[in-house]
Amino acid sequence: DDGEAAIDVEVASSVAPSAAIELISCAGGTVTFGG
């Protein structure tokens, strides 16, 4: 899924270039998505 993550953080920064961009991620569980 790193392609989606790259799109998200880069395009967010392209519109709000002075903002603090935070990628928040966790490892998932058996039945729970990490996001």
mmCIF file of all heavy atoms, coordinates in Angstrom:
data_MODEL
# 
_entry.id   MODEL 
# 
loop_
_atom_site.group_PDB 
_atom_site.id 
_atom_site.type_symbol 
_atom_site.label_atom_id 
_atom_site.label_alt_id 
_atom_site.label_comp_id 
_atom_site.label_asym_id 
_atom_site.label_entity_id 
_atom_site.label_seq_id 
_atom_site.pdbx_PDB_ins_code 
_atom_site.Cartn_x 
_atom_site.Cartn_y 
_atom_site.Cartn_z 
_atom_site.occupancy 
_atom_site.B_iso_or_equiv 
_atom_site.pdbx_formal_charge 
_atom_site.auth_seq_id 
_atom_site.auth_comp_id 
_atom_site.auth_asym_id 
_atom_site.auth_atom_id 
_atom_site.pdbx_PDB_model_num 
ATOM 1   N N   . ASP A 1 1  ? 0.813   -1.217  0.000  1.00 0.00 ? 1  ASP A N   1 
ATOM 2   C CA  . ASP A 1 1  ? 0.000   0.000   0.000  1.00 0.00 ? 1  ASP A CA  1 
ATOM 3   C C   . ASP A 1 1  ? 0.848   1.270   0.000  1.00 0.00 ? 1  ASP A C   1 
ATOM 4   O O   . ASP A 1 1  ? 0.305   2.371   0.080  1.00 0.00 ? 1  ASP A O   1 
ATOM 5   C CB  . ASP A 1 1  ? -0.930  0.013   1.216  1.00 0.00 ? 1  ASP A CB  1 
ATOM 6   C CG  . ASP A 1 1  ? -2.053  -1.005  1.108  1.00 0.00 ? 1  ASP A CG  1 
ATOM 7   O OD1 . ASP A 1 1  ? -2.325  -1.459  -0.015 1.00 0.00 ? 1  ASP A OD1 1 
ATOM 8   O OD2 . ASP A 1 1  ? -2.646  -1.342  2.144  1.00 0.00 ? 1  ASP A OD2 1 
ATOM 9   N N   . ASP A 1 2  ? 2.176   1.135   -0.096 1.00 0.00 ? 2  ASP A N   1 
ATOM 10  C CA  . ASP A 1 2  ? 3.023   2.327   0.009  1.00 0.00 ? 2  ASP A CA  1 
ATOM 11  C C   . ASP A 1 2  ? 2.795   3.295   -1.148 1.00 0.00 ? 2  ASP A C   1 
ATOM 12  O O   . ASP A 1 2  ? 3.061   4.487   -1.023 1.00 0.00 ? 2  ASP A O   1 
ATOM 13  C CB  . ASP A 1 2  ? 4.502   1.942   0.109  1.00 0.00 ? 2  ASP A CB  1 
ATOM 14  C CG  . ASP A 1 2  ? 5.083   1.487   -1.215 1.00 0.00 ? 2  ASP A CG  1 
ATOM 15  O OD1 . ASP A 1 2  ? 4.658   0.431   -1.701 1.00 0.00 ? 2  ASP A OD1 1 
ATOM 16  O OD2 . ASP A 1 2  ? 5.956   2.188   -1.758 1.00 0.00 ? 2  ASP A OD2 1 
ATOM 17  N N   . GLY A 1 3  ? 2.263   2.810   -2.278 1.00 0.00 ? 3  GLY A N   1 
ATOM 18  C CA  . GLY A 1 3  ? 1.930   3.720   -3.379 1.00 0.00 ? 3  GLY A CA  1 
ATOM 19  C C   . GLY A 1 3  ? 0.841   4.699   -2.982 1.00 0.00 ? 3  GLY A C   1 
ATOM 20  O O   . GLY A 1 3  ? 0.913   5.888   -3.301 1.00 0.00 ? 3  GLY A O   1 
ATOM 21  N N   . GLU A 1 4  ? -0.187  4.203   -2.281 1.00 0.00 ? 4  GLU A N   1 
ATOM 22  C CA  . GLU A 1 4  ? -1.243  5.084   -1.782 1.00 0.00 ? 4  GLU A CA  1 
ATOM 23  C C   . GLU A 1 4  ? -0.674  6.071   -0.778 1.00 0.00 ? 4  GLU A C   1 
ATOM 24  O O   . GLU A 1 4  ? -0.989  7.260   -0.804 1.00 0.00 ? 4  GLU A O   1 
ATOM 25  C CB  . GLU A 1 4  ? -2.348  4.251   -1.133 1.00 0.00 ? 4  GLU A CB  1 
ATOM 26  C CG  . GLU A 1 4  ? -3.479  5.061   -0.529 1.00 0.00 ? 4  GLU A CG  1 
ATOM 27  C CD  . GLU A 1 4  ? -4.280  5.810   -1.580 1.00 0.00 ? 4  GLU A CD  1 
ATOM 28  O OE1 . GLU A 1 4  ? -4.978  5.161   -2.363 1.00 0.00 ? 4  GLU A OE1 1 
ATOM 29  O OE2 . GLU A 1 4  ? -4.178  7.057   -1.618 1.00 0.00 ? 4  GLU A OE2 1 
ATOM 30  N N   . ALA A 1 5  ? 0.183   5.588   0.115  1.00 0.00 ? 5  ALA A N   1 
ATOM 31  C CA  . ALA A 1 5  ? 0.771   6.468   1.132  1.00 0.00 ? 5  ALA A CA  1 
ATOM 32  C C   . ALA A 1 5  ? 1.592   7.577   0.494  1.00 0.00 ? 5  ALA A C   1 
ATOM 33  O O   . ALA A 1 5  ? 1.536   8.740   0.930  1.00 0.00 ? 5  ALA A O   1 
ATOM 34  C CB  . ALA A 1 5  ? 1.632   5.644   2.094  1.00 0.00 ? 5  ALA A CB  1 
ATOM 35  N N   . ALA A 1 6  ? 2.363   7.238   -0.545 1.00 0.00 ? 6  ALA A N   1 
ATOM 36  C CA  . ALA A 1 6  ? 3.186   8.250   -1.218 1.00 0.00 ? 6  ALA A CA  1 
ATOM 37  C C   . ALA A 1 6  ? 2.312   9.320   -1.859 1.00 0.00 ? 6  ALA A C   1 
ATOM 38  O O   . ALA A 1 6  ? 2.588   10.523  -1.749 1.00 0.00 ? 6  ALA A O   1 
ATOM 39  C CB  . ALA A 1 6  ? 4.083   7.589   -2.261 1.00 0.00 ? 6  ALA A CB  1 
ATOM 40  N N   . ILE A 1 7  ? 1.248   8.897   -2.537 1.00 0.00 ? 7  ILE A N   1 
ATOM 41  C CA  . ILE A 1 7  ? 0.320   9.863   -3.136 1.00 0.00 ? 7  ILE A CA  1 
ATOM 42  C C   . ILE A 1 7  ? -0.230  10.797  -2.063 1.00 0.00 ? 7  ILE A C   1 
ATOM 43  O O   . ILE A 1 7  ? -0.264  12.022  -2.224 1.00 0.00 ? 7  ILE A O   1 
ATOM 44  C CB  . ILE A 1 7  ? -0.839  9.131   -3.840 1.00 0.00 ? 7  ILE A CB  1 
ATOM 45  C CG1 . ILE A 1 7  ? -0.343  8.389   -5.079 1.00 0.00 ? 7  ILE A CG1 1 
ATOM 46  C CG2 . ILE A 1 7  ? -1.941  10.118  -4.230 1.00 0.00 ? 7  ILE A CG2 1 
ATOM 47  C CD1 . ILE A 1 7  ? -1.386  7.471   -5.669 1.00 0.00 ? 7  ILE A CD1 1 
ATOM 48  N N   . ASP A 1 8  ? -0.664  10.208  -0.959 1.00 0.00 ? 8  ASP A N   1 
ATOM 49  C CA  . ASP A 1 8  ? -1.332  10.988  0.082  1.00 0.00 ? 8  ASP A CA  1 
ATOM 50  C C   . ASP A 1 8  ? -0.428  12.059  0.666  1.00 0.00 ? 8  ASP A C   1 
ATOM 51  O O   . ASP A 1 8  ? -0.810  13.236  0.766  1.00 0.00 ? 8  ASP A O   1 
ATOM 52  C CB  . ASP A 1 8  ? -1.825  10.052  1.192  1.00 0.00 ? 8  ASP A CB  1 
ATOM 53  C CG  . ASP A 1 8  ? -2.906  9.100   0.718  1.00 0.00 ? 8  ASP A CG  1 
ATOM 54  O OD1 . ASP A 1 8  ? -3.494  9.353   -0.342 1.00 0.00 ? 8  ASP A OD1 1 
ATOM 55  O OD2 . ASP A 1 8  ? -3.147  8.098   1.411  1.00 0.00 ? 8  ASP A OD2 1 
ATOM 56  N N   . VAL A 1 9  ? 0.779   11.676  1.079  1.00 0.00 ? 9  VAL A N   1 
ATOM 57  C CA  . VAL A 1 9  ? 1.635   12.643  1.764  1.00 0.00 ? 9  VAL A CA  1 
ATOM 58  C C   . VAL A 1 9  ? 2.201   13.678  0.800  1.00 0.00 ? 9  VAL A C   1 
ATOM 59  O O   . VAL A 1 9  ? 2.391   14.848  1.169  1.00 0.00 ? 9  VAL A O   1 
ATOM 60  C CB  . VAL A 1 9  ? 2.772   11.938  2.530  1.00 0.00 ? 9  VAL A CB  1 
ATOM 61  C CG1 . VAL A 1 9  ? 2.198   10.994  3.581  1.00 0.00 ? 9  VAL A CG1 1 
ATOM 62  C CG2 . VAL A 1 9  ? 3.724   11.198  1.611  1.00 0.00 ? 9  VAL A CG2 1 
ATOM 63  N N   . GLU A 1 10 ? 2.454   13.274  -0.447 1.00 0.00 ? 10 GLU A N   1 
ATOM 64  C CA  . GLU A 1 10 ? 3.044   14.220  -1.395 1.00 0.00 ? 10 GLU A CA  1 
ATOM 65  C C   . GLU A 1 10 ? 2.024   15.237  -1.885 1.00 0.00 ? 10 GLU A C   1 
ATOM 66  O O   . GLU A 1 10 ? 2.311   16.446  -1.930 1.00 0.00 ? 10 GLU A O   1 
ATOM 67  C CB  . GLU A 1 10 ? 3.658   13.449  -2.564 1.00 0.00 ? 10 GLU A CB  1 
ATOM 68  C CG  . GLU A 1 10 ? 4.901   12.661  -2.164 1.00 0.00 ? 10 GLU A CG  1 
ATOM 69  C CD  . GLU A 1 10 ? 5.405   11.724  -3.225 1.00 0.00 ? 10 GLU A CD  1 
ATOM 70  O OE1 . GLU A 1 10 ? 4.783   11.646  -4.317 1.00 0.00 ? 10 GLU A OE1 1 
ATOM 71  O OE2 . GLU A 1 10 ? 6.425   11.044  -2.984 1.00 0.00 ? 10 GLU A OE2 1 
ATOM 72  N N   . VAL A 1 11 ? 0.830   14.765  -2.246 1.00 0.00 ? 11 VAL A N   1 
ATOM 73  C CA  . VAL A 1 11 ? -0.165  15.706  -2.773 1.00 0.00 ? 11 VAL A CA  1 
ATOM 74  C C   . VAL A 1 11 ? -0.679  16.628  -1.669 1.00 0.00 ? 11 VAL A C   1 
ATOM 75  O O   . VAL A 1 11 ? -0.960  17.803  -1.916 1.00 0.00 ? 11 VAL A O   1 
ATOM 76  C CB  . VAL A 1 11 ? -1.308  14.945  -3.458 1.00 0.00 ? 11 VAL A CB  1 
ATOM 77  C CG1 . VAL A 1 11 ? -2.418  15.902  -3.883 1.00 0.00 ? 11 VAL A CG1 1 
ATOM 78  C CG2 . VAL A 1 11 ? -0.781  14.192  -4.682 1.00 0.00 ? 11 VAL A CG2 1 
ATOM 79  N N   . ALA A 1 12 ? -0.793  16.128  -0.442 1.00 0.00 ? 12 ALA A N   1 
ATOM 80  C CA  . ALA A 1 12 ? -1.179  17.014  0.670  1.00 0.00 ? 12 ALA A CA  1 
ATOM 81  C C   . ALA A 1 12 ? -0.178  18.143  0.807  1.00 0.00 ? 12 ALA A C   1 
ATOM 82  O O   . ALA A 1 12 ? -0.537  19.310  1.011  1.00 0.00 ? 12 ALA A O   1 
ATOM 83  C CB  . ALA A 1 12 ? -1.280  16.219  1.969  1.00 0.00 ? 12 ALA A CB  1 
ATOM 84  N N   . SER A 1 13 ? 1.103   17.811  0.680  1.00 0.00 ? 13 SER A N   1 
ATOM 85  C CA  . SER A 1 13 ? 2.144   18.819  0.800  1.00 0.00 ? 13 SER A CA  1 
ATOM 86  C C   . SER A 1 13 ? 2.170   19.748  -0.403 1.00 0.00 ? 13 SER A C   1 
ATOM 87  O O   . SER A 1 13 ? 2.561   20.913  -0.294 1.00 0.00 ? 13 SER A O   1 
ATOM 88  C CB  . SER A 1 13 ? 3.515   18.137  0.956  1.00 0.00 ? 13 SER A CB  1 
ATOM 89  O OG  . SER A 1 13 ? 4.514   19.079  1.249  1.00 0.00 ? 13 SER A OG  1 
ATOM 90  N N   . SER A 1 14 ? 1.727   19.271  -1.564 1.00 0.00 ? 14 SER A N   1 
ATOM 91  C CA  . SER A 1 14 ? 1.763   20.119  -2.756 1.00 0.00 ? 14 SER A CA  1 
ATOM 92  C C   . SER A 1 14 ? 0.754   21.250  -2.676 1.00 0.00 ? 14 SER A C   1 
ATOM 93  O O   . SER A 1 14 ? 0.962   22.317  -3.248 1.00 0.00 ? 14 SER A O   1 
ATOM 94  C CB  . SER A 1 14 ? 1.491   19.274  -4.009 1.00 0.00 ? 14 SER A CB  1 
ATOM 95  O OG  . SER A 1 14 ? 0.121   18.938  -4.123 1.00 0.00 ? 14 SER A OG  1 
ATOM 96  N N   . VAL A 1 15 ? -0.352  21.036  -1.944 1.00 0.00 ? 15 VAL A N   1 
ATOM 97  C CA  . VAL A 1 15 ? -1.383  22.068  -1.813 1.00 0.00 ? 15 VAL A CA  1 
ATOM 98  C C   . VAL A 1 15 ? -1.157  22.911  -0.569 1.00 0.00 ? 15 VAL A C   1 
ATOM 99  O O   . VAL A 1 15 ? -1.381  24.114  -0.575 1.00 0.00 ? 15 VAL A O   1 
ATOM 100 C CB  . VAL A 1 15 ? -2.784  21.427  -1.793 1.00 0.00 ? 15 VAL A CB  1 
ATOM 101 C CG1 . VAL A 1 15 ? -3.856  22.478  -1.562 1.00 0.00 ? 15 VAL A CG1 1 
ATOM 102 C CG2 . VAL A 1 15 ? -3.048  20.684  -3.097 1.00 0.00 ? 15 VAL A CG2 1 
ATOM 103 N N   . ALA A 1 16 ? -0.717  22.273  0.516  1.00 0.00 ? 16 ALA A N   1 
ATOM 104 C CA  . ALA A 1 16 ? -0.428  22.987  1.766  1.00 0.00 ? 16 ALA A CA  1 
ATOM 105 C C   . ALA A 1 16 ? 1.050   22.801  2.089  1.00 0.00 ? 16 ALA A C   1 
ATOM 106 O O   . ALA A 1 16 ? 1.414   22.067  3.023  1.00 0.00 ? 16 ALA A O   1 
ATOM 107 C CB  . ALA A 1 16 ? -1.302  22.456  2.892  1.00 0.00 ? 16 ALA A CB  1 
ATOM 108 N N   . PRO A 1 17 ? 1.939   23.442  1.332  1.00 0.00 ? 17 PRO A N   1 
ATOM 109 C CA  . PRO A 1 17 ? 3.370   23.135  1.434  1.00 0.00 ? 17 PRO A CA  1 
ATOM 110 C C   . PRO A 1 17 ? 4.029   23.537  2.735  1.00 0.00 ? 17 PRO A C   1 
ATOM 111 O O   . PRO A 1 17 ? 5.125   23.070  3.039  1.00 0.00 ? 17 PRO A O   1 
ATOM 112 C CB  . PRO A 1 17 ? 3.975   23.900  0.248  1.00 0.00 ? 17 PRO A CB  1 
ATOM 113 C CG  . PRO A 1 17 ? 2.989   24.987  -0.053 1.00 0.00 ? 17 PRO A CG  1 
ATOM 114 C CD  . PRO A 1 17 ? 1.655   24.425  0.267  1.00 0.00 ? 17 PRO A CD  1 
ATOM 115 N N   . SER A 1 18 ? 3.389   24.403  3.530  1.00 0.00 ? 18 SER A N   1 
ATOM 116 C CA  . SER A 1 18 ? 3.981   24.802  4.805  1.00 0.00 ? 18 SER A CA  1 
ATOM 117 C C   . SER A 1 18 ? 3.406   24.031  5.987  1.00 0.00 ? 18 SER A C   1 
ATOM 118 O O   . SER A 1 18 ? 3.764   24.298  7.135  1.00 0.00 ? 18 SER A O   1 
ATOM 119 C CB  . SER A 1 18 ? 3.774   26.306  5.039  1.00 0.00 ? 18 SER A CB  1 
ATOM 120 O OG  . SER A 1 18 ? 4.429   27.070  4.046  1.00 0.00 ? 18 SER A OG  1 
ATOM 121 N N   . ALA A 1 19 ? 2.521   23.078  5.719  1.00 0.00 ? 19 ALA A N   1 
ATOM 122 C CA  . ALA A 1 19 ? 1.886   22.320  6.790  1.00 0.00 ? 19 ALA A CA  1 
ATOM 123 C C   . ALA A 1 19 ? 2.804   21.225  7.308  1.00 0.00 ? 19 ALA A C   1 
ATOM 124 O O   . ALA A 1 19 ? 3.741   20.792  6.635  1.00 0.00 ? 19 ALA A O   1 
ATOM 125 C CB  . ALA A 1 19 ? 0.577   21.714  6.296  1.00 0.00 ? 19 ALA A CB  1 
ATOM 126 N N   . ALA A 1 20 ? 2.512   20.772  8.521  1.00 0.00 ? 20 ALA A N   1 
ATOM 127 C CA  . ALA A 1 20 ? 3.176   19.598  9.082  1.00 0.00 ? 20 ALA A CA  1 
ATOM 128 C C   . ALA A 1 20 ? 2.417   18.372  8.595  1.00 0.00 ? 20 ALA A C   1 
ATOM 129 O O   . ALA A 1 20 ? 1.244   18.187  8.926  1.00 0.00 ? 20 ALA A O   1 
ATOM 130 C CB  . ALA A 1 20 ? 3.169   19.661  10.601 1.00 0.00 ? 20 ALA A CB  1 
ATOM 131 N N   . ILE A 1 21 ? 3.069   17.559  7.794  1.00 0.00 ? 21 ILE A N   1 
ATOM 132 C CA  . ILE A 1 21 ? 2.458   16.356  7.242  1.00 0.00 ? 21 ILE A CA  1 
ATOM 133 C C   . ILE A 1 21 ? 2.831   15.178  8.137  1.00 0.00 ? 21 ILE A C   1 
ATOM 134 O O   . ILE A 1 21 ? 4.011   14.918  8.378  1.00 0.00 ? 21 ILE A O   1 
ATOM 135 C CB  . ILE A 1 21 ? 2.932   16.092  5.802  1.00 0.00 ? 21 ILE A CB  1 
ATOM 136 C CG1 . ILE A 1 21 ? 2.682   17.321  4.920  1.00 0.00 ? 21 ILE A CG1 1 
ATOM 137 C CG2 . ILE A 1 21 ? 2.269   14.860  5.233  1.00 0.00 ? 21 ILE A CG2 1 
ATOM 138 C CD1 . ILE A 1 21 ? 1.231   17.699  4.770  1.00 0.00 ? 21 ILE A CD1 1 
ATOM 139 N N   . GLU A 1 22 ? 1.831   14.465  8.642  1.00 0.00 ? 22 GLU A N   1 
ATOM 140 C CA  . GLU A 1 22 ? 2.064   13.304  9.499  1.00 0.00 ? 22 GLU A CA  1 
ATOM 141 C C   . GLU A 1 22 ? 1.449   12.065  8.857  1.00 0.00 ? 22 GLU A C   1 
ATOM 142 O O   . GLU A 1 22 ? 0.235   12.025  8.618  1.00 0.00 ? 22 GLU A O   1 
ATOM 143 C CB  . GLU A 1 22 ? 1.447   13.512  10.883 1.00 0.00 ? 22 GLU A CB  1 
ATOM 144 C CG  . GLU A 1 22 ? 2.108   14.594  11.707 1.00 0.00 ? 22 GLU A CG  1 
ATOM 145 C CD  . GLU A 1 22 ? 1.486   14.746  13.072 1.00 0.00 ? 22 GLU A CD  1 
ATOM 146 O OE1 . GLU A 1 22 ? 0.420   14.127  13.323 1.00 0.00 ? 22 GLU A OE1 1 
ATOM 147 O OE2 . GLU A 1 22 ? 2.047   15.499  13.896 1.00 0.00 ? 22 GLU A OE2 1 
ATOM 148 N N   . LEU A 1 23 ? 2.277   11.089  8.568  1.00 0.00 ? 23 LEU A N   1 
ATOM 149 C CA  . LEU A 1 23 ? 1.762   9.780   8.179  1.00 0.00 ? 23 LEU A CA  1 
ATOM 150 C C   . LEU A 1 23 ? 1.581   8.986   9.463  1.00 0.00 ? 23 LEU A C   1 
ATOM 151 O O   . LEU A 1 23 ? 2.530   8.788   10.217 1.00 0.00 ? 23 LEU A O   1 
ATOM 152 C CB  . LEU A 1 23 ? 2.725   9.065   7.244  1.00 0.00 ? 23 LEU A CB  1 
ATOM 153 C CG  . LEU A 1 23 ? 2.321   7.672   6.751  1.00 0.00 ? 23 LEU A CG  1 
ATOM 154 C CD1 . LEU A 1 23 ? 2.900   7.391   5.368  1.00 0.00 ? 23 LEU A CD1 1 
ATOM 155 C CD2 . LEU A 1 23 ? 2.758   6.561   7.712  1.00 0.00 ? 23 LEU A CD2 1 
ATOM 156 N N   . ILE A 1 24 ? 0.344   8.551   9.748  1.00 0.00 ? 24 ILE A N   1 
ATOM 157 C CA  . ILE A 1 24 ? 0.100   7.744   10.938 1.00 0.00 ? 24 ILE A CA  1 
ATOM 158 C C   . ILE A 1 24 ? -0.227  6.325   10.488 1.00 0.00 ? 24 ILE A C   1 
ATOM 159 O O   . ILE A 1 24 ? -1.092  6.108   9.644  1.00 0.00 ? 24 ILE A O   1 
ATOM 160 C CB  . ILE A 1 24 ? -1.013  8.326   11.833 1.00 0.00 ? 24 ILE A CB  1 
ATOM 161 C CG1 . ILE A 1 24 ? -2.361  8.372   11.109 1.00 0.00 ? 24 ILE A CG1 1 
ATOM 162 C CG2 . ILE A 1 24 ? -0.631  9.716   12.312 1.00 0.00 ? 24 ILE A CG2 1 
ATOM 163 C CD1 . ILE A 1 24 ? -3.540  8.653   12.040 1.00 0.00 ? 24 ILE A CD1 1 
ATOM 164 N N   . SER A 1 25 ? 0.498   5.359   11.020 1.00 0.00 ? 25 SER A N   1 
ATOM 165 C CA  . SER A 1 25 ? 0.300   3.973   10.595 1.00 0.00 ? 25 SER A CA  1 
ATOM 166 C C   . SER A 1 25 ? 0.550   3.028   11.751 1.00 0.00 ? 25 SER A C   1 
ATOM 167 O O   . SER A 1 25 ? 1.334   3.321   12.654 1.00 0.00 ? 25 SER A O   1 
ATOM 168 C CB  . SER A 1 25 ? 1.238   3.630   9.430  1.00 0.00 ? 25 SER A CB  1 
ATOM 169 O OG  . SER A 1 25 ? 2.596   3.720   9.822  1.00 0.00 ? 25 SER A OG  1 
ATOM 170 N N   . CYS A 1 26 ? -0.138  1.890   11.711 1.00 0.00 ? 26 CYS A N   1 
ATOM 171 C CA  . CYS A 1 26 ? 0.053   0.815   12.684 1.00 0.00 ? 26 CYS A CA  1 
ATOM 172 C C   . CYS A 1 26 ? -0.022  -0.516  11.947 1.00 0.00 ? 26 CYS A C   1 
ATOM 173 O O   . CYS A 1 26 ? -0.677  -0.619  10.900 1.00 0.00 ? 26 CYS A O   1 
ATOM 174 C CB  . CYS A 1 26 ? -1.034  0.833   13.765 1.00 0.00 ? 26 CYS A CB  1 
ATOM 175 S SG  . CYS A 1 26 ? -0.961  2.226   14.913 1.00 0.00 ? 26 CYS A SG  1 
ATOM 176 N N   . ALA A 1 27 ? 0.633   -1.508  12.497 1.00 0.00 ? 27 ALA A N   1 
ATOM 177 C CA  . ALA A 1 27 ? 0.470   -2.864  11.970 1.00 0.00 ? 27 ALA A CA  1 
ATOM 178 C C   . ALA A 1 27 ? -0.945  -3.332  12.270 1.00 0.00 ? 27 ALA A C   1 
ATOM 179 O O   . ALA A 1 27 ? -1.512  -3.017  13.314 1.00 0.00 ? 27 ALA A O   1 
ATOM 180 C CB  . ALA A 1 27 ? 1.487   -3.800  12.604 1.00 0.00 ? 27 ALA A CB  1 
ATOM 181 N N   . GLY A 1 28 ? -1.541  -4.073  11.351 1.00 0.00 ? 28 GLY A N   1 
ATOM 182 C CA  . GLY A 1 28 ? -2.899  -4.539  11.528 1.00 0.00 ? 28 GLY A CA  1 
ATOM 183 C C   . GLY A 1 28 ? -2.981  -5.788  12.387 1.00 0.00 ? 28 GLY A C   1 
ATOM 184 O O   . GLY A 1 28 ? -1.979  -6.448  12.679 1.00 0.00 ? 28 GLY A O   1 
ATOM 185 N N   . GLY A 1 29 ? -4.199  -6.127  12.812 1.00 0.00 ? 29 GLY A N   1 
ATOM 186 C CA  . GLY A 1 29 ? -4.466  -7.370  13.511 1.00 0.00 ? 29 GLY A CA  1 
ATOM 187 C C   . GLY A 1 29 ? -5.066  -8.386  12.561 1.00 0.00 ? 29 GLY A C   1 
ATOM 188 O O   . GLY A 1 29 ? -5.272  -8.100  11.366 1.00 0.00 ? 29 GLY A O   1 
ATOM 189 N N   . THR A 1 30 ? -5.394  -9.554  13.060 1.00 0.00 ? 30 THR A N   1 
ATOM 190 C CA  . THR A 1 30 ? -5.964  -10.600 12.220 1.00 0.00 ? 30 THR A CA  1 
ATOM 191 C C   . THR A 1 30 ? -7.217  -10.124 11.506 1.00 0.00 ? 30 THR A C   1 
ATOM 192 O O   . THR A 1 30 ? -7.425  -10.398 10.328 1.00 0.00 ? 30 THR A O   1 
ATOM 193 C CB  . THR A 1 30 ? -6.302  -11.841 13.077 1.00 0.00 ? 30 THR A CB  1 
ATOM 194 O OG1 . THR A 1 30 ? -5.178  -12.209 13.861 1.00 0.00 ? 30 THR A OG1 1 
ATOM 195 C CG2 . THR A 1 30 ? -6.713  -13.006 12.186 1.00 0.00 ? 30 THR A CG2 1 
ATOM 196 N N   . VAL A 1 31 ? -8.081  -9.398  12.216 1.00 0.00 ? 31 VAL A N   1 
ATOM 197 C CA  . VAL A 1 31 ? -9.357  -8.967  11.642 1.00 0.00 ? 31 VAL A CA  1 
ATOM 198 C C   . VAL A 1 31 ? -9.494  -7.451  11.652 1.00 0.00 ? 31 VAL A C   1 
ATOM 199 O O   . VAL A 1 31 ? -10.608 -6.932  11.484 1.00 0.00 ? 31 VAL A O   1 
ATOM 200 C CB  . VAL A 1 31 ? -10.534 -9.612  12.401 1.00 0.00 ? 31 VAL A CB  1 
ATOM 201 C CG1 . VAL A 1 31 ? -10.548 -11.117 12.183 1.00 0.00 ? 31 VAL A CG1 1 
ATOM 202 C CG2 . VAL A 1 31 ? -10.473 -9.289  13.906 1.00 0.00 ? 31 VAL A CG2 1 
ATOM 203 N N   . THR A 1 32 ? -8.416  -6.732  11.850 1.00 0.00 ? 32 THR A N   1 
ATOM 204 C CA  . THR A 1 32 ? -8.488  -5.271  11.954 1.00 0.00 ? 32 THR A CA  1 
ATOM 205 C C   . THR A 1 32 ? -7.415  -4.626  11.095 1.00 0.00 ? 32 THR A C   1 
ATOM 206 O O   . THR A 1 32 ? -6.230  -4.970  11.195 1.00 0.00 ? 32 THR A O   1 
ATOM 207 C CB  . THR A 1 32 ? -8.323  -4.812  13.409 1.00 0.00 ? 32 THR A CB  1 
ATOM 208 O OG1 . THR A 1 32 ? -9.320  -5.460  14.214 1.00 0.00 ? 32 THR A OG1 1 
ATOM 209 C CG2 . THR A 1 32 ? -8.506  -3.309  13.531 1.00 0.00 ? 32 THR A CG2 1 
ATOM 210 N N   . PHE A 1 33 ? -7.822  -3.697  10.262 1.00 0.00 ? 33 PHE A N   1 
ATOM 211 C CA  . PHE A 1 33 ? -6.933  -2.952  9.381  1.00 0.00 ? 33 PHE A CA  1 
ATOM 212 C C   . PHE A 1 33 ? -6.039  -2.032  10.210 1.00 0.00 ? 33 PHE A C   1 
ATOM 213 O O   . PHE A 1 33 ? -6.496  -1.350  11.132 1.00 0.00 ? 33 PHE A O   1 
ATOM 214 C CB  . PHE A 1 33 ? -7.786  -2.138  8.413  1.00 0.00 ? 33 PHE A CB  1 
ATOM 215 C CG  . PHE A 1 33 ? -7.021  -1.291  7.445  1.00 0.00 ? 33 PHE A CG  1 
ATOM 216 C CD1 . PHE A 1 33 ? -6.199  -1.864  6.485  1.00 0.00 ? 33 PHE A CD1 1 
ATOM 217 C CD2 . PHE A 1 33 ? -7.143  0.093   7.459  1.00 0.00 ? 33 PHE A CD2 1 
ATOM 218 C CE1 . PHE A 1 33 ? -5.507  -1.080  5.578  1.00 0.00 ? 33 PHE A CE1 1 
ATOM 219 C CE2 . PHE A 1 33 ? -6.465  0.878   6.554  1.00 0.00 ? 33 PHE A CE2 1 
ATOM 220 C CZ  . PHE A 1 33 ? -5.640  0.281   5.614  1.00 0.00 ? 33 PHE A CZ  1 
ATOM 221 N N   . GLY A 1 34 ? -4.749  -2.004  9.879  1.00 0.00 ? 34 GLY A N   1 
ATOM 222 C CA  . GLY A 1 34 ? -3.808  -1.204  10.642 1.00 0.00 ? 34 GLY A CA  1 
ATOM 223 C C   . GLY A 1 34 ? -4.140  0.269   10.667 1.00 0.00 ? 34 GLY A C   1 
ATOM 224 O O   . GLY A 1 34 ? -3.916  0.959   11.674 1.00 0.00 ? 34 GLY A O   1 
ATOM 225 N N   . GLY A 1 35 ? -4.687  0.781   9.565  1.00 0.00 ? 35 GLY A N   1 
ATOM 226 C CA  . GLY A 1 35 ? -5.064  2.186   9.533  1.00 0.00 ? 35 GLY A CA  1 
ATOM 227 C C   . GLY A 1 35 ? -6.154  2.522   10.523 1.00 0.00 ? 35 GLY A C   1 
ATOM 228 O O   . GLY A 1 35 ? -6.176  3.624   11.099 1.00 0.00 ? 35 GLY A O   1 
# 
